[in-house]
C-alpha cells in the first residue's frame, strides 16, 4: 500500500498554516482535501499482496496487471487534476501573501511537495513503478510458494 504524503493533507495544512488561512481564506485546504480524496479512491491504495495473490495463473495475472495499469493511469489523471487545483490555489495565495515572507516560504515548501508528488504518480513515476514492482515480486514469490506447497 502506497503512503500519501502527510504534508499534502488538509489536516497538515490546517495545523501548519491555520493561522494564515484564518487571516485570509486561500482555498488550499479544500483543494488538498479533494486531492487526498482522489488518492484515497485510487488503485494506489491497493495492497500489493492482495493484488499479487489474485491468481497463480500467469496469463490471468498479466491481464489483471494490464487492467490495473489502465486503472492507475486513470486514477493518476484524476489525482493530477486535483493537484492542478491545489497548484492554482498556491499560486493565488502566494500573490495574496506576497508581503509575508514566512507564508510565502511555507507555500513554496508546499508547492515543492506537490511537484514531487505529481511526478511520482505519473505512469513512469516512482509510485506507479514501485507499485508494479512490488506486485510482480510478491506474485513471483507467492506462486513459487504455491507450487511447492510451502505457504499461503
C-alpha atoms as a PDB file:
ATOM      1  CA  UNK A   1       0.000   0.000   0.000  1.00  0.00           C
ATOM      2  CA  UNK A   2       1.372   3.363  -1.010  1.00  0.00           C
ATOM      3  CA  UNK A   3       1.532   6.156   1.544  1.00  0.00           C
ATOM      4  CA  UNK A   4       0.004   9.555   0.831  1.00  0.00           C
ATOM      5  CA  UNK A   5       2.382  12.396   1.853  1.00  0.00           C
ATOM      6  CA  UNK A   6       1.323  13.939   5.167  1.00  0.00           C
ATOM      7  CA  UNK A   7       2.416  17.422   4.091  1.00  0.00           C
ATOM      8  CA  UNK A   8      -0.248  17.316   1.358  1.00  0.00           C
ATOM      9  CA  UNK A   9      -3.156  16.643   3.712  1.00  0.00           C
ATOM     10  CA  UNK A  10      -5.717  19.236   4.755  1.00  0.00           C
ATOM     11  CA  UNK A  11      -5.017  18.277   8.380  1.00  0.00           C
ATOM     12  CA  UNK A  12      -1.331  19.169   7.998  1.00  0.00           C
ATOM     13  CA  UNK A  13      -2.236  22.380   6.189  1.00  0.00           C
ATOM     14  CA  UNK A  14      -4.628  23.394   8.978  1.00  0.00           C
ATOM     15  CA  UNK A  15      -2.050  22.511  11.619  1.00  0.00           C
ATOM     16  CA  UNK A  16       0.839  24.292   9.883  1.00  0.00           C
ATOM     17  CA  UNK A  17      -0.839  27.290   8.330  1.00  0.00           C
ATOM     18  CA  UNK A  18      -4.163  27.534  10.083  1.00  0.00           C
ATOM     19  CA  UNK A  19      -3.331  30.996  11.396  1.00  0.00           C
ATOM     20  CA  UNK A  20      -2.620  32.342   7.916  1.00  0.00           C
ATOM     21  CA  UNK A  21      -5.632  30.600   6.411  1.00  0.00           C
ATOM     22  CA  UNK A  22      -7.870  32.086   9.098  1.00  0.00           C
ATOM     23  CA  UNK A  23      -6.494  35.549   8.414  1.00  0.00           C
ATOM     24  CA  UNK A  24      -7.386  35.262   4.736  1.00  0.00           C
ATOM     25  CA  UNK A  25      -9.161  32.312   3.106  1.00  0.00           C
ATOM     26  CA  UNK A  26      -6.957  30.643   0.496  1.00  0.00           C
ATOM     27  CA  UNK A  27      -8.926  27.597  -0.680  1.00  0.00           C
ATOM     28  CA  UNK A  28      -5.790  25.476  -0.320  1.00  0.00           C
ATOM     29  CA  UNK A  29      -7.227  23.327   2.474  1.00  0.00           C
ATOM     30  CA  UNK A  30     -10.295  22.409   0.439  1.00  0.00           C
ATOM     31  CA  UNK A  31      -8.178  21.698  -2.645  1.00  0.00           C
ATOM     32  CA  UNK A  32      -5.830  19.499  -0.608  1.00  0.00           C
ATOM     33  CA  UNK A  33      -8.826  17.635   0.786  1.00  0.00           C
ATOM     34  CA  UNK A  34     -10.146  16.980  -2.731  1.00  0.00           C
ATOM     35  CA  UNK A  35      -6.739  15.721  -3.860  1.00  0.00           C
ATOM     36  CA  UNK A  36      -6.431  13.485  -0.808  1.00  0.00           C
ATOM     37  CA  UNK A  37      -9.901  12.046  -1.547  1.00  0.00           C
ATOM     38  CA  UNK A  38      -8.937  11.369  -5.165  1.00  0.00           C
ATOM     39  CA  UNK A  39      -5.875   9.496  -3.919  1.00  0.00           C
ATOM     40  CA  UNK A  40      -7.879   7.567  -1.307  1.00  0.00           C
ATOM     41  CA  UNK A  41     -10.286   6.373  -4.020  1.00  0.00           C
ATOM     42  CA  UNK A  42      -7.453   5.282  -6.314  1.00  0.00           C
ATOM     43  CA  UNK A  43      -5.744   1.991  -7.099  1.00  0.00           C
ATOM     44  CA  UNK A  44      -2.605   3.434  -5.498  1.00  0.00           C
ATOM     45  CA  UNK A  45      -4.222   2.447  -2.187  1.00  0.00           C
ATOM     46  CA  UNK A  46      -4.425  -1.248  -3.137  1.00  0.00           C
ATOM     47  CA  UNK A  47      -2.370  -3.656  -1.074  1.00  0.00           C
ATOM     48  CA  UNK A  48       0.264  -5.229  -3.397  1.00  0.00           C
ATOM     49  CA  UNK A  49      -0.088  -8.605  -1.631  1.00  0.00           C
ATOM     50  CA  UNK A  50      -3.836  -8.683  -2.262  1.00  0.00           C
ATOM     51  CA  UNK A  51      -3.327  -7.811  -5.919  1.00  0.00           C
ATOM     52  CA  UNK A  52      -0.446 -10.268  -6.336  1.00  0.00           C
ATOM     53  CA  UNK A  53      -2.335 -13.211  -4.881  1.00  0.00           C
ATOM     54  CA  UNK A  54      -5.481 -12.944  -7.007  1.00  0.00           C
ATOM     55  CA  UNK A  55      -4.397 -15.851  -9.209  1.00  0.00           C
ATOM     56  CA  UNK A  56      -1.443 -18.162  -9.766  1.00  0.00           C
ATOM     57  CA  UNK A  57      -2.291 -18.353 -13.480  1.00  0.00           C
ATOM     58  CA  UNK A  58       0.300 -16.168 -15.229  1.00  0.00           C
ATOM     59  CA  UNK A  59      -1.977 -15.243 -18.164  1.00  0.00           C
ATOM     60  CA  UNK A  60      -4.770 -14.138 -15.832  1.00  0.00           C
ATOM     61  CA  UNK A  61      -2.235 -12.274 -13.719  1.00  0.00           C
ATOM     62  CA  UNK A  62      -0.902 -10.384 -16.754  1.00  0.00           C
ATOM     63  CA  UNK A  63      -4.471  -9.465 -17.804  1.00  0.00           C
ATOM     64  CA  UNK A  64      -5.108  -8.216 -14.285  1.00  0.00           C
ATOM     65  CA  UNK A  65      -1.872  -6.197 -14.363  1.00  0.00           C
ATOM     66  CA  UNK A  66      -2.905  -4.649 -17.690  1.00  0.00           C
ATOM     67  CA  UNK A  67      -6.263  -3.720 -16.175  1.00  0.00           C
ATOM     68  CA  UNK A  68      -4.531  -2.375 -13.080  1.00  0.00           C
ATOM     69  CA  UNK A  69      -2.157  -0.285 -15.213  1.00  0.00           C
ATOM     70  CA  UNK A  70      -5.147   1.227 -17.026  1.00  0.00           C
ATOM     71  CA  UNK A  71      -6.810   1.969 -13.698  1.00  0.00           C
ATOM     72  CA  UNK A  72      -3.634   3.504 -12.249  1.00  0.00           C
ATOM     73  CA  UNK A  73      -3.266   5.802 -15.278  1.00  0.00           C
ATOM     74  CA  UNK A  74      -6.895   6.922 -14.982  1.00  0.00           C
ATOM     75  CA  UNK A  75      -6.536   7.450 -11.242  1.00  0.00           C
ATOM     76  CA  UNK A  76      -3.285   9.348 -11.740  1.00  0.00           C
ATOM     77  CA  UNK A  77      -5.153  11.662 -14.115  1.00  0.00           C
ATOM     78  CA  UNK A  78      -7.867  12.339 -11.527  1.00  0.00           C
ATOM     79  CA  UNK A  79      -5.293  12.973  -8.810  1.00  0.00           C
ATOM     80  CA  UNK A  80      -3.283  15.210 -11.126  1.00  0.00           C
ATOM     81  CA  UNK A  81      -6.413  17.224 -11.985  1.00  0.00           C
ATOM     82  CA  UNK A  82      -6.986  17.772  -8.263  1.00  0.00           C
ATOM     83  CA  UNK A  83      -3.299  18.651  -7.867  1.00  0.00           C
ATOM     84  CA  UNK A  84      -3.626  21.288 -10.591  1.00  0.00           C
ATOM     85  CA  UNK A  85      -6.348  22.923  -8.495  1.00  0.00           C
ATOM     86  CA  UNK A  86      -4.045  22.855  -5.457  1.00  0.00           C
ATOM     87  CA  UNK A  87      -1.321  24.450  -7.596  1.00  0.00           C
ATOM     88  CA  UNK A  88      -3.681  27.219  -8.713  1.00  0.00           C
ATOM     89  CA  UNK A  89      -4.649  27.931  -5.100  1.00  0.00           C
ATOM     90  CA  UNK A  90      -0.993  28.021  -4.035  1.00  0.00           C
ATOM     91  CA  UNK A  91      -0.222  30.467  -6.845  1.00  0.00           C
ATOM     92  CA  UNK A  92      -3.124  32.714  -5.839  1.00  0.00           C
ATOM     93  CA  UNK A  93      -2.166  32.572  -2.150  1.00  0.00           C
ATOM     94  CA  UNK A  94       1.469  33.366  -2.957  1.00  0.00           C
ATOM     95  CA  UNK A  95       0.302  36.556  -4.658  1.00  0.00           C
ATOM     96  CA  UNK A  96      -2.132  37.393  -1.865  1.00  0.00           C
ATOM     97  CA  UNK A  97       0.525  36.948   0.840  1.00  0.00           C
ATOM     98  CA  UNK A  98       3.446  38.345  -1.185  1.00  0.00           C
ATOM     99  CA  UNK A  99       4.422  40.699   1.649  1.00  0.00           C
ATOM    100  CA  UNK A 100       4.653  37.907   4.238  1.00  0.00           C
ATOM    101  CA  UNK A 101       7.921  36.036   3.764  1.00  0.00           C
ATOM    102  CA  UNK A 102       7.023  33.295   6.257  1.00  0.00           C
ATOM    103  CA  UNK A 103       3.788  32.479   4.436  1.00  0.00           C
ATOM    104  CA  UNK A 104       5.421  32.617   1.001  1.00  0.00           C
ATOM    105  CA  UNK A 105       8.194  30.294   2.213  1.00  0.00           C
ATOM    106  CA  UNK A 106       5.622  27.846   3.595  1.00  0.00           C
ATOM    107  CA  UNK A 107       3.713  27.977   0.312  1.00  0.00           C
ATOM    108  CA  UNK A 108       6.915  27.285  -1.625  1.00  0.00           C
ATOM    109  CA  UNK A 109       7.579  24.230   0.551  1.00  0.00           C
ATOM    110  CA  UNK A 110       4.028  23.033  -0.077  1.00  0.00           C
ATOM    111  CA  UNK A 111       4.475  23.630  -3.805  1.00  0.00           C
ATOM    112  CA  UNK A 112       7.728  21.660  -3.784  1.00  0.00           C
ATOM    113  CA  UNK A 113       5.983  18.704  -2.127  1.00  0.00           C
ATOM    114  CA  UNK A 114       3.163  18.984  -4.633  1.00  0.00           C
ATOM    115  CA  UNK A 115       5.539  18.954  -7.619  1.00  0.00           C
ATOM    116  CA  UNK A 116       7.309  15.864  -6.249  1.00  0.00           C
ATOM    117  CA  UNK A 117       4.009  14.093  -5.593  1.00  0.00           C
ATOM    118  CA  UNK A 118       2.619  14.913  -9.046  1.00  0.00           C
ATOM    119  CA  UNK A 119       5.744  13.472 -10.674  1.00  0.00           C
ATOM    120  CA  UNK A 120       5.555  10.334  -8.517  1.00  0.00           C
ATOM    121  CA  UNK A 121       2.020   9.379  -9.612  1.00  0.00           C
ATOM    122  CA  UNK A 122       2.706   9.565 -13.341  1.00  0.00           C
ATOM    123  CA  UNK A 123       2.726   6.180 -15.145  1.00  0.00           C
ATOM    124  CA  UNK A 124       6.538   6.137 -15.202  1.00  0.00           C
ATOM    125  CA  UNK A 125       6.846   7.822 -11.798  1.00  0.00           C
ATOM    126  CA  UNK A 126       8.177   6.257  -8.600  1.00  0.00           C
ATOM    127  CA  UNK A 127       4.799   5.386  -7.027  1.00  0.00           C
ATOM    128  CA  UNK A 128       3.456   3.584 -10.077  1.00  0.00           C
ATOM    129  CA  UNK A 129       6.791   1.917 -10.848  1.00  0.00           C
ATOM    130  CA  UNK A 130       7.303   0.754  -7.259  1.00  0.00           C
ATOM    131  CA  UNK A 131       3.717  -0.480  -7.021  1.00  0.00           C
ATOM    132  CA  UNK A 132       4.103  -2.545 -10.197  1.00  0.00           C
ATOM    133  CA  UNK A 133       7.440  -3.939  -8.995  1.00  0.00           C
ATOM    134  CA  UNK A 134       6.033  -4.781  -5.537  1.00  0.00           C
ATOM    135  CA  UNK A 135       3.060  -6.609  -7.052  1.00  0.00           C
ATOM    136  CA  UNK A 136       5.208  -8.549  -9.524  1.00  0.00           C
ATOM    137  CA  UNK A 137       7.808  -9.526  -6.899  1.00  0.00           C
ATOM    138  CA  UNK A 138       5.112 -10.590  -4.455  1.00  0.00           C
ATOM    139  CA  UNK A 139       3.335 -12.576  -7.183  1.00  0.00           C
ATOM    140  CA  UNK A 140       6.547 -14.394  -8.140  1.00  0.00           C
ATOM    141  CA  UNK A 141       7.269 -15.277  -4.505  1.00  0.00           C
ATOM    142  CA  UNK A 142       3.666 -16.286  -3.831  1.00  0.00           C
ATOM    143  CA  UNK A 143       3.362 -18.513  -6.907  1.00  0.00           C
ATOM    144  CA  UNK A 144       6.678 -20.206  -6.016  1.00  0.00           C
ATOM    145  CA  UNK A 145       5.322 -20.958  -2.529  1.00  0.00           C
ATOM    146  CA  UNK A 146       2.074 -22.219  -4.066  1.00  0.00           C
ATOM    147  CA  UNK A 147       3.985 -24.542  -6.389  1.00  0.00           C
ATOM    148  CA  UNK A 148       5.991 -26.046  -3.530  1.00  0.00           C
ATOM    149  CA  UNK A 149       3.094 -26.042  -1.080  1.00  0.00           C
ATOM    150  CA  UNK A 150       5.162 -24.075   1.413  1.00  0.00           C
ATOM    151  CA  UNK A 151       2.723 -21.371   2.393  1.00  0.00           C
ATOM    152  CA  UNK A 152      -0.217 -19.151   1.612  1.00  0.00           C
END
